[in-house]
């Protein structure tokens, strides 16, 4: 029984050390057009910290009026695209040659 527990612990330890994570969120200040990127990465036991660090960064900038790019309203996105802050989305339709 003790050998089985030790084996399970060893396997879990090796898997947790091999894990990796990368998080990235682009935020935009709709009024000014300023952008900021919150990103972090971690490996091994620090994989969970990458998400926590990005979440803290996002909260900090949201307090200053920044909005994650994915949560912009259609009107805000169109205004930022017109001003050249954000690129226009690529046409998802396949092209014919």
N, C-alpha and C. Protein backbone atom coordinates (compact mmCIF):
# COMPACT_ATOMS: atom_id res chain seq x y z
N UNK A 1 0.83 -1.20 0.00
CA UNK A 1 0.00 0.00 0.00
C UNK A 1 0.87 1.27 0.00
N UNK A 2 1.92 1.27 0.84
CA UNK A 2 2.80 2.44 0.93
C UNK A 2 3.53 2.65 -0.39
N UNK A 3 3.86 1.56 -1.05
CA UNK A 3 4.55 1.67 -2.34
C UNK A 3 3.65 2.28 -3.40
N UNK A 4 2.37 1.93 -3.39
CA UNK A 4 1.41 2.48 -4.34
C UNK A 4 1.24 3.99 -4.11
N UNK A 5 1.14 4.39 -2.86
CA UNK A 5 1.00 5.81 -2.54
C UNK A 5 2.25 6.57 -2.98
N UNK A 6 3.40 5.99 -2.74
CA UNK A 6 4.65 6.63 -3.15
C UNK A 6 4.73 6.76 -4.67
N UNK A 7 4.29 5.74 -5.39
CA UNK A 7 4.30 5.78 -6.85
C UNK A 7 3.35 6.85 -7.37
N UNK A 8 2.17 6.92 -6.80
CA UNK A 8 1.19 7.93 -7.21
C UNK A 8 1.75 9.33 -6.93
N UNK A 9 2.36 9.52 -5.78
CA UNK A 9 2.95 10.81 -5.43
C UNK A 9 4.06 11.19 -6.41
N UNK A 10 4.89 10.24 -6.76
CA UNK A 10 5.98 10.49 -7.70
C UNK A 10 5.44 10.89 -9.07
N UNK A 11 4.45 10.17 -9.56
CA UNK A 11 3.86 10.49 -10.86
C UNK A 11 3.22 11.87 -10.83
N UNK A 12 2.47 12.18 -9.78
CA UNK A 12 1.84 13.49 -9.65
C UNK A 12 2.89 14.59 -9.62
N UNK A 13 3.98 14.37 -8.89
CA UNK A 13 5.05 15.36 -8.79
C UNK A 13 5.69 15.62 -10.15
N UNK A 14 5.96 14.57 -10.89
CA UNK A 14 6.57 14.73 -12.20
C UNK A 14 5.65 15.45 -13.17
N UNK A 15 4.38 15.13 -13.13
CA UNK A 15 3.42 15.79 -14.02
C UNK A 15 3.29 17.27 -13.67
N UNK A 16 3.24 17.58 -12.38
CA UNK A 16 3.09 18.99 -11.98
C UNK A 16 4.34 19.80 -12.33
N UNK A 17 5.50 19.19 -12.31
CA UNK A 17 6.71 19.90 -12.68
C UNK A 17 6.82 20.11 -14.18
N UNK A 18 6.20 19.25 -14.97
CA UNK A 18 6.28 19.35 -16.42
C UNK A 18 5.23 20.29 -17.00
N UNK A 19 4.25 20.68 -16.24
CA UNK A 19 3.16 21.52 -16.73
C UNK A 19 3.67 22.93 -17.00
N UNK A 20 2.99 23.62 -17.93
CA UNK A 20 3.32 25.01 -18.20
C UNK A 20 2.04 25.75 -18.58
N UNK A 21 2.07 27.06 -18.40
CA UNK A 21 0.90 27.88 -18.72
C UNK A 21 1.36 29.25 -19.20
N UNK A 22 0.60 29.83 -20.09
CA UNK A 22 0.84 31.19 -20.55
C UNK A 22 -0.50 31.88 -20.71
N UNK A 23 -0.63 33.04 -20.13
CA UNK A 23 -1.85 33.83 -20.20
C UNK A 23 -1.51 35.19 -20.80
N UNK A 24 -2.45 35.74 -21.58
CA UNK A 24 -2.24 37.06 -22.16
C UNK A 24 -3.59 37.71 -22.46
N UNK A 25 -3.75 38.96 -22.05
CA UNK A 25 -4.98 39.72 -22.31
C UNK A 25 -4.58 41.12 -22.77
N UNK A 26 -5.14 41.57 -23.88
CA UNK A 26 -4.91 42.93 -24.35
C UNK A 26 -6.08 43.79 -23.90
N UNK A 27 -5.76 44.91 -23.27
CA UNK A 27 -6.77 45.85 -22.80
C UNK A 27 -6.65 47.15 -23.58
N UNK A 28 -7.79 47.81 -23.78
CA UNK A 28 -7.83 49.05 -24.56
C UNK A 28 -8.57 50.10 -23.75
N UNK A 29 -8.07 51.32 -23.74
CA UNK A 29 -8.76 52.45 -23.14
C UNK A 29 -9.57 53.07 -24.27
N UNK A 30 -10.91 52.82 -24.31
CA UNK A 30 -11.72 53.24 -25.45
C UNK A 30 -11.67 54.74 -25.74
N UNK A 31 -11.54 55.57 -24.72
CA UNK A 31 -11.55 57.01 -24.93
C UNK A 31 -10.26 57.50 -25.60
N UNK A 32 -9.12 57.01 -25.10
CA UNK A 32 -7.84 57.50 -25.60
C UNK A 32 -7.22 56.62 -26.68
N UNK A 33 -7.62 55.34 -26.72
CA UNK A 33 -7.04 54.41 -27.67
C UNK A 33 -5.76 53.75 -27.17
N UNK A 34 -5.35 54.06 -25.94
CA UNK A 34 -4.15 53.43 -25.38
C UNK A 34 -4.39 51.94 -25.18
N UNK A 35 -3.37 51.15 -25.41
CA UNK A 35 -3.48 49.70 -25.20
C UNK A 35 -2.40 49.24 -24.23
N UNK A 36 -2.70 48.16 -23.54
CA UNK A 36 -1.76 47.53 -22.62
C UNK A 36 -1.98 46.03 -22.69
N UNK A 37 -0.90 45.28 -22.53
CA UNK A 37 -1.03 43.82 -22.55
C UNK A 37 -0.62 43.30 -21.18
N UNK A 38 -1.51 42.52 -20.56
CA UNK A 38 -1.21 41.83 -19.32
C UNK A 38 -0.88 40.39 -19.69
N UNK A 39 0.31 39.94 -19.37
CA UNK A 39 0.68 38.57 -19.70
C UNK A 39 1.60 38.01 -18.64
N UNK A 40 1.56 36.70 -18.51
CA UNK A 40 2.44 35.99 -17.58
C UNK A 40 2.53 34.55 -18.03
N UNK A 41 3.62 33.91 -17.65
CA UNK A 41 3.77 32.49 -17.93
C UNK A 41 4.43 31.84 -16.74
N UNK A 42 4.20 30.56 -16.61
CA UNK A 42 4.79 29.83 -15.51
C UNK A 42 4.95 28.37 -15.90
N UNK A 43 5.85 27.72 -15.22
CA UNK A 43 6.02 26.30 -15.47
C UNK A 43 6.15 25.59 -14.14
N UNK A 44 5.87 24.31 -14.18
CA UNK A 44 5.96 23.51 -12.96
C UNK A 44 4.93 23.94 -11.95
N UNK A 45 5.36 24.19 -10.75
CA UNK A 45 4.44 24.54 -9.67
C UNK A 45 3.89 25.96 -9.80
N UNK A 46 4.45 26.76 -10.69
CA UNK A 46 4.02 28.15 -10.85
C UNK A 46 2.95 28.34 -11.92
N UNK A 47 2.42 27.27 -12.50
CA UNK A 47 1.44 27.43 -13.57
C UNK A 47 0.19 28.17 -13.11
N UNK A 48 -0.27 27.90 -11.91
CA UNK A 48 -1.46 28.57 -11.40
C UNK A 48 -1.23 30.04 -11.16
N UNK A 49 -0.01 30.43 -10.88
CA UNK A 49 0.28 31.83 -10.61
C UNK A 49 0.16 32.71 -11.86
N UNK A 50 0.35 32.13 -13.04
CA UNK A 50 0.24 32.93 -14.27
C UNK A 50 -1.15 33.52 -14.40
N UNK A 51 -2.17 32.71 -14.15
CA UNK A 51 -3.54 33.19 -14.24
C UNK A 51 -3.82 34.26 -13.18
N UNK A 52 -3.35 34.03 -11.96
CA UNK A 52 -3.57 34.99 -10.88
C UNK A 52 -2.91 36.32 -11.20
N UNK A 53 -1.69 36.28 -11.72
CA UNK A 53 -0.98 37.52 -12.05
C UNK A 53 -1.69 38.30 -13.15
N UNK A 54 -2.18 37.61 -14.17
CA UNK A 54 -2.89 38.29 -15.25
C UNK A 54 -4.20 38.86 -14.74
N UNK A 55 -4.93 38.11 -13.92
CA UNK A 55 -6.18 38.61 -13.36
C UNK A 55 -5.96 39.88 -12.53
N UNK A 56 -4.90 39.91 -11.73
CA UNK A 56 -4.59 41.09 -10.93
C UNK A 56 -4.25 42.29 -11.82
N UNK A 57 -3.50 42.05 -12.87
CA UNK A 57 -3.14 43.11 -13.81
C UNK A 57 -4.40 43.68 -14.49
N UNK A 58 -5.28 42.79 -14.93
CA UNK A 58 -6.52 43.22 -15.59
C UNK A 58 -7.36 44.06 -14.64
N UNK A 59 -7.51 43.63 -13.39
CA UNK A 59 -8.30 44.39 -12.41
C UNK A 59 -7.72 45.79 -12.21
N UNK A 60 -6.40 45.86 -12.15
CA UNK A 60 -5.74 47.16 -11.95
C UNK A 60 -6.07 48.12 -13.09
N UNK A 61 -5.96 47.65 -14.33
CA UNK A 61 -6.20 48.53 -15.47
C UNK A 61 -7.69 48.77 -15.72
N UNK A 62 -8.54 47.82 -15.37
CA UNK A 62 -9.99 48.07 -15.50
C UNK A 62 -10.41 49.21 -14.59
N UNK A 63 -9.77 49.34 -13.44
CA UNK A 63 -10.07 50.46 -12.53
C UNK A 63 -9.72 51.80 -13.17
N UNK A 64 -8.80 51.80 -14.14
CA UNK A 64 -8.42 53.03 -14.85
C UNK A 64 -9.21 53.21 -16.15
N UNK A 65 -10.23 52.39 -16.38
CA UNK A 65 -11.07 52.55 -17.55
C UNK A 65 -10.72 51.69 -18.75
N UNK A 66 -9.71 50.83 -18.62
CA UNK A 66 -9.35 49.93 -19.72
C UNK A 66 -10.36 48.79 -19.79
N UNK A 67 -10.55 48.27 -21.00
CA UNK A 67 -11.50 47.19 -21.24
C UNK A 67 -10.77 46.08 -22.00
N UNK A 68 -10.95 44.82 -21.57
CA UNK A 68 -10.36 43.74 -22.37
C UNK A 68 -10.88 43.80 -23.81
N UNK A 69 -10.00 43.58 -24.76
CA UNK A 69 -10.36 43.73 -26.18
C UNK A 69 -11.60 42.92 -26.54
N UNK A 70 -11.76 41.76 -25.97
CA UNK A 70 -12.91 40.91 -26.28
C UNK A 70 -14.23 41.42 -25.72
N UNK A 71 -14.18 42.40 -24.81
CA UNK A 71 -15.41 42.93 -24.22
C UNK A 71 -15.75 44.34 -24.71
N UNK A 72 -15.08 44.80 -25.75
CA UNK A 72 -15.43 46.10 -26.34
C UNK A 72 -16.80 46.00 -26.99
N UNK A 73 -17.57 47.07 -26.91
CA UNK A 73 -18.86 47.08 -27.61
C UNK A 73 -18.58 47.22 -29.11
N UNK A 74 -19.53 46.83 -29.95
CA UNK A 74 -19.32 47.00 -31.40
C UNK A 74 -19.02 48.45 -31.78
N UNK A 75 -19.66 49.40 -31.13
CA UNK A 75 -19.41 50.81 -31.43
C UNK A 75 -17.99 51.22 -31.04
N UNK A 76 -17.53 50.78 -29.85
CA UNK A 76 -16.17 51.09 -29.42
C UNK A 76 -15.14 50.47 -30.37
N UNK A 77 -15.37 49.21 -30.74
CA UNK A 77 -14.44 48.52 -31.65
C UNK A 77 -14.38 49.24 -32.99
N UNK A 78 -15.54 49.62 -33.55
CA UNK A 78 -15.56 50.31 -34.84
C UNK A 78 -14.82 51.65 -34.76
N UNK A 79 -15.00 52.38 -33.65
CA UNK A 79 -14.31 53.66 -33.48
C UNK A 79 -12.80 53.45 -33.40
N UNK A 80 -12.36 52.43 -32.65
CA UNK A 80 -10.93 52.17 -32.52
C UNK A 80 -10.32 51.68 -33.83
N UNK A 81 -11.07 50.91 -34.60
CA UNK A 81 -10.60 50.47 -35.92
C UNK A 81 -10.47 51.66 -36.86
N UNK A 82 -11.44 52.56 -36.82
CA UNK A 82 -11.42 53.75 -37.67
C UNK A 82 -10.22 54.62 -37.34
N UNK A 83 -9.87 54.71 -36.05
CA UNK A 83 -8.74 55.53 -35.60
C UNK A 83 -7.40 54.81 -35.77
N UNK A 84 -7.43 53.55 -36.19
CA UNK A 84 -6.20 52.80 -36.43
C UNK A 84 -5.58 52.19 -35.18
N UNK A 85 -6.31 52.18 -34.07
CA UNK A 85 -5.80 51.60 -32.84
C UNK A 85 -5.86 50.08 -32.91
N UNK A 86 -6.96 49.55 -33.41
CA UNK A 86 -7.14 48.11 -33.55
C UNK A 86 -7.20 47.77 -35.04
N UNK A 87 -6.60 46.65 -35.41
CA UNK A 87 -6.73 46.23 -36.81
C UNK A 87 -8.13 45.71 -37.07
N UNK A 88 -8.58 45.89 -38.30
CA UNK A 88 -9.87 45.33 -38.67
C UNK A 88 -9.74 43.81 -38.70
N UNK A 89 -10.79 43.09 -38.26
CA UNK A 89 -10.71 41.63 -38.28
C UNK A 89 -10.58 41.11 -39.71
N UNK A 90 -9.83 40.03 -39.84
CA UNK A 90 -9.65 39.43 -41.15
C UNK A 90 -10.97 38.84 -41.64
N UNK A 91 -11.15 38.85 -42.95
CA UNK A 91 -12.36 38.28 -43.54
C UNK A 91 -12.31 36.76 -43.38
N UNK A 92 -13.30 36.19 -42.67
CA UNK A 92 -13.26 34.74 -42.41
C UNK A 92 -13.62 33.88 -43.63
N UNK A 93 -14.11 34.51 -44.69
CA UNK A 93 -14.49 33.74 -45.88
C UNK A 93 -13.25 33.31 -46.64
N UNK A 94 -13.22 32.09 -47.11
CA UNK A 94 -12.07 31.65 -47.89
C UNK A 94 -12.03 32.37 -49.23
N UNK A 95 -10.83 32.62 -49.70
CA UNK A 95 -10.70 33.26 -51.00
C UNK A 95 -10.55 32.19 -52.07
N UNK A 96 -11.06 32.50 -53.25
CA UNK A 96 -10.95 31.56 -54.36
C UNK A 96 -9.87 32.05 -55.29
N UNK A 97 -9.05 31.16 -55.76
CA UNK A 97 -7.96 31.54 -56.66
C UNK A 97 -8.30 31.21 -58.06
